[in-house]
């Protein structure tokens, strides 16, 4: 080799040039805290169970709902927005003789972060029809919950079909 200094300089220059280039970043899988998610699932399941037991007391029922809730009642053309409006919707229903509301969840799940969750299943609504006959309706529903800073789960969206 006639010019070893030139060759060494060229190798160092190329090594430096390619070594300073950014490589492709590899996407990392999100880390899920399995214990925290399991606990969030347990507490959401319990919140839904307690809410289902509150259907004989409108105040208790409403305590599970956030102030800016969006509620989609069956056959409605638009949602009811806000806790006060939902209360106004339910007040006459809760006062009806024979009124009974129960539900059975088919699925309950929470986000990997454990701060959002959903429940869906079927609900049974017993009420009087326009002829004053006791009617039982079974319909599907979906409830979306959000964990509050206090740790309580509250309903942020309800869709009844």
N, C-alpha and C. Protein backbone atom coordinates (compact mmCIF):
# COMPACT_ATOMS: atom_id res chain seq x y z
N UNK A 1 0.83 -1.17 0.00
CA UNK A 1 0.00 0.00 0.00
C UNK A 1 0.88 1.23 0.00
N UNK A 2 0.60 2.08 -0.92
CA UNK A 2 1.41 3.26 -1.05
C UNK A 2 0.99 4.34 -0.07
N UNK A 3 -0.29 4.42 0.24
CA UNK A 3 -0.78 5.50 1.09
C UNK A 3 -1.61 4.93 2.25
N UNK A 4 -0.97 4.30 3.23
CA UNK A 4 -1.74 3.71 4.34
C UNK A 4 -2.46 4.76 5.16
N UNK A 5 -1.92 5.93 5.26
CA UNK A 5 -2.57 6.99 6.02
C UNK A 5 -3.89 7.39 5.36
N UNK A 6 -3.90 7.41 4.04
CA UNK A 6 -5.11 7.73 3.29
C UNK A 6 -6.17 6.66 3.51
N UNK A 7 -5.77 5.39 3.47
CA UNK A 7 -6.71 4.28 3.66
C UNK A 7 -7.29 4.32 5.08
N UNK A 8 -6.43 4.49 6.06
CA UNK A 8 -6.89 4.55 7.46
C UNK A 8 -7.83 5.73 7.65
N UNK A 9 -7.49 6.87 7.08
CA UNK A 9 -8.34 8.06 7.19
C UNK A 9 -9.69 7.83 6.54
N UNK A 10 -9.70 7.18 5.38
CA UNK A 10 -10.95 6.89 4.68
C UNK A 10 -11.82 5.93 5.50
N UNK A 11 -11.23 4.89 6.08
CA UNK A 11 -11.98 3.93 6.90
C UNK A 11 -12.56 4.63 8.13
N UNK A 12 -11.75 5.45 8.78
CA UNK A 12 -12.25 6.18 9.94
C UNK A 12 -13.37 7.14 9.56
N UNK A 13 -13.22 7.82 8.44
CA UNK A 13 -14.24 8.76 7.97
C UNK A 13 -15.55 8.03 7.68
N UNK A 14 -15.48 6.90 6.98
CA UNK A 14 -16.69 6.12 6.67
C UNK A 14 -17.32 5.55 7.95
N UNK A 15 -16.49 5.04 8.85
CA UNK A 15 -17.00 4.52 10.12
C UNK A 15 -17.70 5.59 10.93
N UNK A 16 -17.10 6.78 10.95
CA UNK A 16 -17.70 7.89 11.68
C UNK A 16 -19.02 8.31 11.04
N UNK A 17 -19.04 8.39 9.70
CA UNK A 17 -20.24 8.82 8.98
C UNK A 17 -21.39 7.85 9.21
N UNK A 18 -21.14 6.55 9.08
CA UNK A 18 -22.20 5.57 9.25
C UNK A 18 -22.54 5.34 10.72
N UNK A 19 -21.58 5.53 11.59
CA UNK A 19 -21.82 5.34 13.02
C UNK A 19 -22.68 6.43 13.62
N UNK A 20 -22.68 7.61 13.02
CA UNK A 20 -23.46 8.72 13.56
C UNK A 20 -24.87 8.77 13.00
N UNK A 21 -25.18 7.95 12.02
CA UNK A 21 -26.53 7.94 11.48
C UNK A 21 -27.47 7.31 12.47
N UNK A 22 -28.70 7.85 12.52
CA UNK A 22 -29.73 7.26 13.39
C UNK A 22 -30.22 5.98 12.76
N UNK A 23 -30.26 4.96 13.55
CA UNK A 23 -30.83 3.70 13.08
C UNK A 23 -32.33 3.74 13.26
N UNK A 24 -33.01 2.81 12.67
CA UNK A 24 -34.45 2.73 12.86
C UNK A 24 -34.76 2.35 14.29
N UNK A 25 -35.69 3.07 14.87
CA UNK A 25 -36.06 2.74 16.23
C UNK A 25 -37.04 1.58 16.20
N UNK A 26 -36.83 0.65 17.06
CA UNK A 26 -37.70 -0.51 17.13
C UNK A 26 -38.84 -0.18 18.08
N UNK A 27 -40.06 -0.40 17.61
CA UNK A 27 -41.23 -0.14 18.44
C UNK A 27 -41.23 -1.11 19.62
N UNK A 28 -41.43 -0.55 20.78
CA UNK A 28 -41.46 -1.37 21.98
C UNK A 28 -42.90 -1.73 22.32
N UNK A 29 -43.08 -2.95 22.74
CA UNK A 29 -44.40 -3.38 23.19
C UNK A 29 -44.74 -2.63 24.47
N UNK A 30 -45.99 -2.16 24.59
CA UNK A 30 -46.36 -1.50 25.83
C UNK A 30 -46.28 -2.48 27.00
N UNK A 31 -45.82 -1.99 28.11
CA UNK A 31 -45.72 -2.82 29.30
C UNK A 31 -47.04 -2.74 30.05
N UNK A 32 -47.63 -3.88 30.31
CA UNK A 32 -48.91 -3.93 31.01
C UNK A 32 -48.65 -4.44 32.42
N UNK A 33 -49.11 -3.67 33.38
CA UNK A 33 -49.02 -4.10 34.78
C UNK A 33 -50.20 -5.04 35.02
N UNK A 34 -49.94 -6.32 34.94
CA UNK A 34 -51.01 -7.33 35.02
C UNK A 34 -51.74 -7.26 36.36
N UNK A 35 -51.02 -7.07 37.44
CA UNK A 35 -51.66 -7.00 38.76
C UNK A 35 -52.58 -5.79 38.85
N UNK A 36 -52.13 -4.64 38.35
CA UNK A 36 -52.95 -3.43 38.38
C UNK A 36 -54.18 -3.59 37.50
N UNK A 37 -54.00 -4.20 36.34
CA UNK A 37 -55.15 -4.41 35.44
C UNK A 37 -56.14 -5.38 36.08
N UNK A 38 -55.66 -6.42 36.72
CA UNK A 38 -56.53 -7.38 37.39
C UNK A 38 -57.31 -6.70 38.51
N UNK A 39 -56.63 -5.84 39.27
CA UNK A 39 -57.31 -5.12 40.35
C UNK A 39 -58.34 -4.14 39.79
N UNK A 40 -58.02 -3.46 38.71
CA UNK A 40 -58.98 -2.55 38.07
C UNK A 40 -60.20 -3.32 37.59
N UNK A 41 -59.99 -4.48 37.02
CA UNK A 41 -61.11 -5.31 36.56
C UNK A 41 -61.98 -5.74 37.74
N UNK A 42 -61.35 -6.12 38.84
CA UNK A 42 -62.10 -6.53 40.03
C UNK A 42 -62.94 -5.37 40.57
N UNK A 43 -62.33 -4.17 40.66
CA UNK A 43 -63.06 -3.04 41.22
C UNK A 43 -64.16 -2.54 40.28
N UNK A 44 -63.95 -2.65 38.98
CA UNK A 44 -65.02 -2.29 38.04
C UNK A 44 -66.17 -3.27 38.15
N UNK A 45 -65.87 -4.55 38.23
CA UNK A 45 -66.92 -5.57 38.38
C UNK A 45 -67.74 -5.29 39.65
N UNK A 46 -67.06 -4.92 40.72
CA UNK A 46 -67.74 -4.61 41.98
C UNK A 46 -68.59 -3.34 41.85
N UNK A 47 -68.07 -2.32 41.19
CA UNK A 47 -68.83 -1.08 40.98
C UNK A 47 -70.11 -1.37 40.18
N UNK A 48 -70.00 -2.17 39.14
CA UNK A 48 -71.17 -2.50 38.34
C UNK A 48 -72.19 -3.29 39.17
N UNK A 49 -71.70 -4.20 40.00
CA UNK A 49 -72.60 -4.99 40.85
C UNK A 49 -73.33 -4.08 41.84
N UNK A 50 -72.60 -3.16 42.46
CA UNK A 50 -73.23 -2.23 43.41
C UNK A 50 -74.22 -1.31 42.71
N UNK A 51 -73.88 -0.87 41.51
CA UNK A 51 -74.79 -0.01 40.76
C UNK A 51 -76.08 -0.76 40.45
N UNK A 52 -75.96 -2.02 40.10
CA UNK A 52 -77.16 -2.81 39.77
C UNK A 52 -78.06 -2.98 40.99
N UNK A 53 -77.50 -2.91 42.17
CA UNK A 53 -78.31 -3.02 43.41
C UNK A 53 -78.95 -1.70 43.80
N UNK A 54 -78.59 -0.61 43.14
CA UNK A 54 -79.08 0.72 43.51
C UNK A 54 -80.35 1.13 42.77
N UNK A 55 -80.92 0.24 41.99
CA UNK A 55 -82.01 0.63 41.09
C UNK A 55 -83.35 0.85 41.79
N UNK A 56 -83.39 0.73 43.10
CA UNK A 56 -84.62 1.06 43.84
C UNK A 56 -84.52 2.44 44.48
N UNK A 57 -83.38 3.11 44.33
CA UNK A 57 -83.14 4.41 44.95
C UNK A 57 -82.48 5.32 43.91
N UNK A 58 -83.22 6.30 43.42
CA UNK A 58 -82.72 7.16 42.35
C UNK A 58 -81.44 7.89 42.76
N UNK A 59 -81.35 8.38 43.99
CA UNK A 59 -80.14 9.08 44.42
C UNK A 59 -78.93 8.15 44.38
N UNK A 60 -79.10 6.95 44.89
CA UNK A 60 -78.00 5.97 44.87
C UNK A 60 -77.63 5.63 43.43
N UNK A 61 -78.62 5.43 42.58
CA UNK A 61 -78.40 5.12 41.17
C UNK A 61 -77.60 6.23 40.50
N UNK A 62 -77.96 7.47 40.76
CA UNK A 62 -77.30 8.61 40.13
C UNK A 62 -75.89 8.83 40.66
N UNK A 63 -75.58 8.32 41.85
CA UNK A 63 -74.25 8.53 42.43
C UNK A 63 -73.15 7.81 41.65
N UNK A 64 -73.51 6.92 40.76
CA UNK A 64 -72.53 6.19 39.95
C UNK A 64 -72.24 6.88 38.61
N UNK A 65 -72.81 8.05 38.40
CA UNK A 65 -72.77 8.71 37.09
C UNK A 65 -72.00 10.03 37.18
N UNK A 66 -71.13 10.31 36.20
CA UNK A 66 -70.41 11.60 36.16
C UNK A 66 -71.35 12.72 35.74
N UNK A 67 -70.97 13.94 36.06
CA UNK A 67 -71.81 15.10 35.77
C UNK A 67 -72.07 15.29 34.28
N UNK A 68 -71.07 14.98 33.44
CA UNK A 68 -71.23 15.22 32.00
C UNK A 68 -71.49 13.93 31.22
N UNK A 69 -72.20 13.02 31.84
CA UNK A 69 -72.52 11.73 31.22
C UNK A 69 -73.26 11.92 29.88
N UNK A 70 -73.06 10.98 28.99
CA UNK A 70 -73.86 10.90 27.75
C UNK A 70 -74.67 9.62 27.84
N UNK A 71 -75.99 9.74 27.77
CA UNK A 71 -76.89 8.59 27.93
C UNK A 71 -77.73 8.45 26.68
N UNK A 72 -77.68 7.26 26.08
CA UNK A 72 -78.44 6.98 24.87
C UNK A 72 -79.59 6.04 25.23
N UNK A 73 -80.78 6.59 25.53
CA UNK A 73 -81.91 5.72 25.87
C UNK A 73 -82.44 4.99 24.63
N UNK A 74 -83.21 3.92 24.85
CA UNK A 74 -83.73 3.16 23.70
C UNK A 74 -84.58 4.05 22.78
N UNK A 75 -84.40 3.86 21.52
CA UNK A 75 -85.20 4.55 20.49
C UNK A 75 -85.12 6.06 20.55
N UNK A 76 -84.09 6.62 21.16
CA UNK A 76 -83.96 8.08 21.22
C UNK A 76 -83.26 8.58 19.96
N UNK A 77 -83.64 9.75 19.55
CA UNK A 77 -83.01 10.34 18.37
C UNK A 77 -81.71 11.06 18.71
N UNK A 78 -81.50 11.33 20.01
CA UNK A 78 -80.27 11.98 20.45
C UNK A 78 -79.99 11.57 21.89
N UNK A 79 -78.74 11.71 22.30
CA UNK A 79 -78.40 11.33 23.68
C UNK A 79 -78.88 12.38 24.68
N UNK A 80 -79.03 11.95 25.91
CA UNK A 80 -79.27 12.86 27.02
C UNK A 80 -77.88 13.20 27.58
N UNK A 81 -77.58 14.47 27.65
CA UNK A 81 -76.26 14.89 28.10
C UNK A 81 -76.38 15.56 29.47
N UNK A 82 -75.63 15.06 30.43
CA UNK A 82 -75.58 15.67 31.76
C UNK A 82 -76.37 14.89 32.79
N UNK A 83 -75.82 14.87 33.99
CA UNK A 83 -76.41 14.12 35.10
C UNK A 83 -77.81 14.64 35.46
N UNK A 84 -78.00 15.96 35.47
CA UNK A 84 -79.30 16.52 35.82
C UNK A 84 -80.37 16.11 34.82
N UNK A 85 -80.01 16.08 33.53
CA UNK A 85 -80.97 15.69 32.50
C UNK A 85 -81.30 14.20 32.61
N UNK A 86 -80.30 13.39 32.94
CA UNK A 86 -80.54 11.95 33.12
C UNK A 86 -81.45 11.73 34.33
N UNK A 87 -81.22 12.48 35.39
CA UNK A 87 -82.10 12.38 36.56
C UNK A 87 -83.53 12.74 36.18
N UNK A 88 -83.70 13.82 35.44
CA UNK A 88 -85.05 14.22 35.00
C UNK A 88 -85.72 13.14 34.15
N UNK A 89 -84.94 12.46 33.35
CA UNK A 89 -85.45 11.37 32.52
C UNK A 89 -85.94 10.21 33.39
N UNK A 90 -85.15 9.87 34.42
CA UNK A 90 -85.46 8.70 35.24
C UNK A 90 -86.46 8.95 36.37
N UNK A 91 -86.62 10.19 36.83
CA UNK A 91 -87.51 10.45 37.97
C UNK A 91 -88.90 9.84 37.80
N UNK A 92 -89.59 10.11 36.70
CA UNK A 92 -90.92 9.51 36.58
C UNK A 92 -90.88 7.98 36.41
N UNK A 93 -89.83 7.48 35.82
CA UNK A 93 -89.70 6.03 35.61
C UNK A 93 -89.53 5.32 36.95
N UNK A 94 -88.68 5.86 37.82
CA UNK A 94 -88.44 5.25 39.13
C UNK A 94 -89.70 5.27 40.00
N UNK A 95 -90.61 6.22 39.75
CA UNK A 95 -91.83 6.34 40.56
C UNK A 95 -92.96 5.43 40.08
N UNK A 96 -92.83 4.87 38.89
CA UNK A 96 -93.90 4.01 38.34
C UNK A 96 -94.10 2.78 39.22
N UNK A 97 -95.35 2.44 39.53
CA UNK A 97 -95.61 1.19 40.26
C UNK A 97 -95.18 0.00 39.40
N UNK A 98 -94.46 -0.91 40.00
CA UNK A 98 -94.01 -2.09 39.27
C UNK A 98 -92.69 -1.92 38.56
N UNK A 99 -92.09 -0.71 38.63
CA UNK A 99 -90.81 -0.48 37.96
C UNK A 99 -89.74 -1.37 38.58
N UNK A 100 -88.98 -2.03 37.71
CA UNK A 100 -87.85 -2.84 38.14
C UNK A 100 -86.81 -2.84 37.02
N UNK A 101 -85.57 -2.62 37.37
CA UNK A 101 -84.48 -2.61 36.40
C UNK A 101 -83.37 -3.51 36.92
N UNK A 102 -83.01 -4.50 36.12
CA UNK A 102 -81.89 -5.39 36.44
C UNK A 102 -81.08 -5.60 35.18
N UNK A 103 -79.83 -5.99 35.35
CA UNK A 103 -79.02 -6.30 34.17
C UNK A 103 -78.04 -7.42 34.46
N UNK A 104 -77.64 -8.04 33.38
CA UNK A 104 -76.68 -9.14 33.44
C UNK A 104 -75.53 -8.83 32.49
N UNK A 105 -74.33 -8.61 33.04
CA UNK A 105 -73.20 -8.34 32.16
C UNK A 105 -72.75 -9.62 31.44
N UNK A 106 -72.46 -9.48 30.16
CA UNK A 106 -71.87 -10.58 29.38
C UNK A 106 -70.37 -10.45 29.31
N UNK A 107 -69.88 -9.21 29.36
CA UNK A 107 -68.44 -8.97 29.28
C UNK A 107 -68.10 -7.71 30.05
N UNK A 108 -67.00 -7.79 30.78
CA UNK A 108 -66.45 -6.64 31.50
C UNK A 108 -64.95 -6.63 31.19
N UNK A 109 -64.44 -5.46 30.81
CA UNK A 109 -63.01 -5.36 30.53
C UNK A 109 -62.53 -3.96 30.87
N UNK A 110 -61.22 -3.84 31.07
CA UNK A 110 -60.62 -2.55 31.36
C UNK A 110 -59.43 -2.32 30.43
N UNK A 111 -59.07 -1.07 30.26
CA UNK A 111 -57.90 -0.71 29.46
C UNK A 111 -56.63 -1.23 30.14
N UNK A 112 -55.57 -1.32 29.37
CA UNK A 112 -54.29 -1.76 29.94
C UNK A 112 -53.83 -0.82 31.05
N UNK A 113 -54.19 0.46 30.94
CA UNK A 113 -53.81 1.43 31.96
C UNK A 113 -54.69 1.31 33.20
N UNK A 114 -55.83 0.62 33.07
CA UNK A 114 -56.72 0.41 34.21
C UNK A 114 -57.56 1.60 34.59
N UNK A 115 -57.69 2.59 33.67
CA UNK A 115 -58.45 3.79 34.01
C UNK A 115 -59.76 3.93 33.24
N UNK A 116 -59.98 3.09 32.26
CA UNK A 116 -61.23 3.08 31.49
C UNK A 116 -61.71 1.63 31.41
N UNK A 117 -63.02 1.47 31.33
CA UNK A 117 -63.55 0.12 31.23
C UNK A 117 -64.92 0.13 30.57
N UNK A 118 -65.37 -1.04 30.22
CA UNK A 118 -66.70 -1.16 29.64
C UNK A 118 -67.36 -2.44 30.12
N UNK A 119 -68.69 -2.41 30.07
CA UNK A 119 -69.50 -3.56 30.42
C UNK A 119 -70.60 -3.62 29.37
N UNK A 120 -70.88 -4.82 28.85
CA UNK A 120 -72.06 -4.95 28.01
C UNK A 120 -72.77 -6.24 28.34
N UNK A 121 -74.06 -6.25 28.02
CA UNK A 121 -74.87 -7.42 28.33
C UNK A 121 -76.31 -7.14 27.98
N UNK A 122 -77.21 -7.64 28.81
CA UNK A 122 -78.64 -7.40 28.59
C UNK A 122 -79.27 -6.91 29.89
N UNK A 123 -80.27 -6.05 29.72
CA UNK A 123 -80.99 -5.54 30.88
C UNK A 123 -82.46 -5.91 30.76
N UNK A 124 -83.10 -6.03 31.91
CA UNK A 124 -84.54 -6.30 31.96
C UNK A 124 -85.21 -5.12 32.66
N UNK A 125 -86.16 -4.55 31.96
CA UNK A 125 -86.88 -3.39 32.45
C UNK A 125 -88.35 -3.78 32.58
N UNK A 126 -88.86 -3.76 33.79
CA UNK A 126 -90.27 -4.06 34.03
C UNK A 126 -90.97 -2.74 34.31
N UNK A 127 -92.04 -2.48 33.57
CA UNK A 127 -92.78 -1.22 33.70
C UNK A 127 -94.20 -1.41 33.23
N UNK A 128 -95.01 -0.40 33.41
CA UNK A 128 -96.40 -0.44 32.95
C UNK A 128 -96.48 0.22 31.57
N UNK A 129 -97.23 -0.42 30.69
CA UNK A 129 -97.41 0.17 29.35
C UNK A 129 -98.59 1.14 29.38
N UNK A 130 -98.95 1.65 28.22
CA UNK A 130 -100.03 2.63 28.14
C UNK A 130 -101.39 2.07 28.57
N UNK A 131 -101.54 0.74 28.55
CA UNK A 131 -102.78 0.09 29.00
C UNK A 131 -102.72 -0.29 30.47
N UNK A 132 -101.67 0.14 31.16
CA UNK A 132 -101.43 -0.14 32.57
C UNK A 132 -101.14 -1.62 32.84
N UNK A 133 -100.70 -2.32 31.81
CA UNK A 133 -100.28 -3.71 31.98
C UNK A 133 -98.79 -3.75 32.29
N UNK A 134 -98.40 -4.66 33.16
CA UNK A 134 -97.00 -4.82 33.50
C UNK A 134 -96.28 -5.51 32.35
N UNK A 135 -95.23 -4.88 31.84
CA UNK A 135 -94.50 -5.37 30.67
C UNK A 135 -93.04 -5.57 31.06
N UNK A 136 -92.45 -6.63 30.56
CA UNK A 136 -91.03 -6.91 30.77
C UNK A 136 -90.32 -6.81 29.44
N UNK A 137 -89.33 -5.97 29.35
CA UNK A 137 -88.54 -5.84 28.13
C UNK A 137 -87.11 -6.26 28.43
N UNK A 138 -86.53 -7.05 27.54
CA UNK A 138 -85.13 -7.44 27.66
C UNK A 138 -84.40 -6.89 26.45
N UNK A 139 -83.36 -6.10 26.72
CA UNK A 139 -82.64 -5.41 25.64
C UNK A 139 -81.15 -5.41 25.93
N UNK A 140 -80.34 -5.18 24.89
CA UNK A 140 -78.88 -5.07 25.10
C UNK A 140 -78.48 -3.68 25.59
N UNK A 141 -77.34 -3.61 26.23
CA UNK A 141 -76.80 -2.33 26.69
C UNK A 141 -75.27 -2.36 26.64
N UNK A 142 -74.68 -1.18 26.70
CA UNK A 142 -73.23 -1.03 26.84
C UNK A 142 -72.98 0.17 27.75
N UNK A 143 -72.13 -0.03 28.75
CA UNK A 143 -71.79 1.02 29.70
C UNK A 143 -70.28 1.25 29.65
N UNK A 144 -69.89 2.51 29.58
CA UNK A 144 -68.47 2.87 29.58
C UNK A 144 -68.17 3.61 30.88
N UNK A 145 -67.16 3.14 31.57
CA UNK A 145 -66.79 3.64 32.89
C UNK A 145 -65.41 4.31 32.83
N UNK A 146 -65.22 5.26 33.74
CA UNK A 146 -63.91 5.89 33.89
C UNK A 146 -63.56 5.93 35.37
N UNK A 147 -62.33 5.54 35.68
CA UNK A 147 -61.89 5.58 37.07
C UNK A 147 -61.56 7.03 37.42
N UNK A 148 -62.12 7.49 38.52
CA UNK A 148 -61.93 8.86 38.98
C UNK A 148 -60.64 8.96 39.79
N UNK A 149 -60.18 10.18 40.03
CA UNK A 149 -58.95 10.37 40.82
C UNK A 149 -59.10 9.81 42.23
N UNK A 150 -60.34 9.70 42.71
CA UNK A 150 -60.61 9.12 44.03
C UNK A 150 -60.49 7.60 44.02
N UNK A 151 -60.40 7.01 42.81
CA UNK A 151 -60.35 5.55 42.69
C UNK A 151 -61.71 4.94 42.39
N UNK A 152 -62.78 5.74 42.50
CA UNK A 152 -64.13 5.24 42.20
C UNK A 152 -64.33 5.13 40.70
N UNK A 153 -65.11 4.16 40.29
CA UNK A 153 -65.53 4.04 38.90
C UNK A 153 -66.84 4.78 38.73
N UNK A 154 -66.96 5.56 37.65
CA UNK A 154 -68.20 6.29 37.35
C UNK A 154 -68.56 6.07 35.88
N UNK A 155 -69.85 6.07 35.62
CA UNK A 155 -70.37 5.89 34.27
C UNK A 155 -70.20 7.19 33.49
N UNK A 156 -69.56 7.09 32.31
CA UNK A 156 -69.38 8.27 31.46
C UNK A 156 -70.27 8.20 30.21
N UNK A 157 -70.67 6.98 29.83
CA UNK A 157 -71.53 6.82 28.66
C UNK A 157 -72.35 5.54 28.84
N UNK A 158 -73.63 5.66 28.59
CA UNK A 158 -74.54 4.50 28.66
C UNK A 158 -75.34 4.46 27.37
N UNK A 159 -75.38 3.28 26.76
CA UNK A 159 -76.17 3.11 25.53
C UNK A 159 -77.09 1.92 25.73
N UNK A 160 -78.39 2.20 25.71
CA UNK A 160 -79.42 1.17 25.85
C UNK A 160 -80.16 1.05 24.52
N UNK A 161 -80.34 -0.17 24.05
CA UNK A 161 -80.92 -0.37 22.71
C UNK A 161 -82.29 -0.94 22.77
